[in-house]
Structure formats: C-alpha cells, structure tokens
Amino acid sequence: MNESRTVDDIIRLLGPGQGALPTYLPKARAELTVQLQKYMHTLGPTPKRCLETFADLGLSDAEIGRYFRIPYDIVTQLREIWKIDGRV
C-alpha cells in the first residue's frame, strides 16, 4: 500500500501541467539587456537565426516589428548587437 502511494505521488508530480522540466528554459544572454530579453520569446527558440532570416528577406526593422508585434527599436537594437545587416 505504501509503495502504491509513492507511485501515485510520482505520477501526480509528473502529470499534465506539472512536468519535471519546465516547458521553456530561458537562457541568460550577457550581450542583451533585460528589456531586450523580454522580447526574445516572440522570435521563437532561435531568435538570432529568425531575425537573420527576416533580414535576408529584405524586411525593414519596422516591418519585422509589426510582424512580431514588438517595437521596431527593439529589432534595431538586436540587429546591431548581433551584427545583422540588410536594413532597408
């Protein structure tokens, strides 16, 4: 009985909504300010690569900002920090 209760506790702990690992593990980036890090999640799991892709497509900072619903100056700052060219 005691063994069953332990298994039930483990199942409850690992059940839906209470996973052993969080679904999102934010990585601290030393090159980014706290304000810039707030917008990182909107660019997906690989934010630098995502921004490079949109810049390669020829989108301006304002267009990228509108697409992701973030201020265009945040896009500009990220592009400057990561040295991403292609601004229109």
Protein backbone atom coordinates (compact mmCIF):
# COMPACT_ATOMS: atom_id res chain seq x y z
CA MET A 1 0.00 0.00 0.00
CA ASN A 2 2.78 2.41 0.90
CA GLU A 3 4.59 1.55 -2.35
CA SER A 4 1.44 2.28 -4.35
CA ARG A 5 1.05 5.63 -2.68
CA THR A 6 4.63 6.55 -3.67
CA VAL A 7 3.94 5.65 -7.29
CA ASP A 8 0.73 7.69 -7.22
CA ASP A 9 2.64 10.66 -5.82
CA ILE A 10 5.22 10.40 -8.59
CA ILE A 11 2.53 10.14 -11.26
CA ARG A 12 0.75 13.16 -9.78
CA LEU A 13 4.03 15.10 -9.75
CA LEU A 14 4.82 14.29 -13.38
CA GLY A 15 1.23 14.53 -14.61
CA PRO A 16 -0.12 17.08 -17.07
CA GLY A 17 0.65 20.66 -16.17
CA GLN A 18 3.29 19.72 -13.63
CA GLY A 19 6.11 18.29 -15.73
CA ALA A 20 9.50 17.54 -14.27
CA LEU A 21 11.06 20.12 -16.58
CA PRO A 22 9.58 23.48 -17.43
CA THR A 23 8.37 23.81 -21.00
CA TYR A 24 10.58 26.86 -21.57
CA LEU A 25 14.09 27.27 -20.21
CA PRO A 26 15.18 30.84 -20.84
CA LYS A 27 18.89 31.27 -21.37
CA ALA A 28 20.55 34.33 -19.96
CA ARG A 29 22.36 36.24 -22.67
CA ALA A 30 25.09 38.50 -21.39
CA GLU A 31 25.05 40.69 -24.51
CA LEU A 32 21.36 41.62 -24.09
CA THR A 33 19.77 44.00 -21.63
CA VAL A 34 16.83 42.88 -19.51
CA GLN A 35 14.48 44.89 -21.75
CA LEU A 36 15.74 43.13 -24.88
CA GLN A 37 15.46 39.72 -23.22
CA LYS A 38 11.75 40.37 -22.57
CA TYR A 39 11.11 40.22 -26.33
CA MET A 40 13.28 37.18 -27.08
CA HIS A 41 10.43 34.66 -26.75
CA THR A 42 8.46 36.35 -29.54
CA LEU A 43 11.20 35.46 -32.04
CA GLY A 44 10.97 31.74 -31.25
CA PRO A 45 13.51 29.20 -29.99
CA THR A 46 16.32 30.57 -32.19
CA PRO A 47 15.80 34.34 -32.11
CA LYS A 48 19.05 35.36 -33.78
CA ARG A 49 18.53 32.97 -36.68
CA CYS A 50 14.91 34.09 -37.00
CA LEU A 51 15.94 37.73 -37.19
CA GLU A 52 18.65 36.90 -39.74
CA THR A 53 16.06 35.14 -41.90
CA PHE A 54 13.65 38.09 -41.89
CA ALA A 55 16.53 40.47 -42.63
CA ASP A 56 17.66 38.26 -45.53
CA LEU A 57 14.15 38.51 -46.93
CA GLY A 58 14.65 42.28 -47.07
CA LEU A 59 12.20 43.32 -44.39
CA SER A 60 12.88 46.57 -42.54
CA ASP A 61 13.05 46.83 -38.77
CA ALA A 62 9.58 48.39 -38.74
CA GLU A 63 8.14 45.54 -40.83
CA ILE A 64 9.74 42.89 -38.63
CA GLY A 65 8.49 44.72 -35.53
CA ARG A 66 4.94 44.83 -36.91
CA TYR A 67 5.05 41.15 -37.81
CA PHE A 68 6.13 40.09 -34.32
CA ARG A 69 4.24 42.92 -32.57
CA ILE A 70 7.34 44.30 -30.90
CA PRO A 71 8.73 47.86 -31.03
CA TYR A 72 10.88 48.42 -34.09
CA ASP A 73 13.67 49.96 -31.98
CA ILE A 74 14.00 46.59 -30.20
CA VAL A 75 14.52 44.97 -33.61
CA THR A 76 17.10 47.64 -34.46
CA GLN A 77 18.98 47.07 -31.21
CA LEU A 78 19.01 43.29 -31.68
CA ARG A 79 20.31 43.66 -35.23
CA GLU A 80 23.07 45.99 -34.07
CA ILE A 81 24.13 43.69 -31.23
CA TRP A 82 24.10 40.57 -33.40
CA LYS A 83 25.60 42.44 -36.41
CA ILE A 84 22.76 41.50 -38.75
CA ASP A 85 22.83 43.55 -41.97
CA GLY A 86 20.10 44.07 -44.53
CA ARG A 87 18.21 47.04 -43.14
CA VAL A 88 16.07 48.71 -45.77
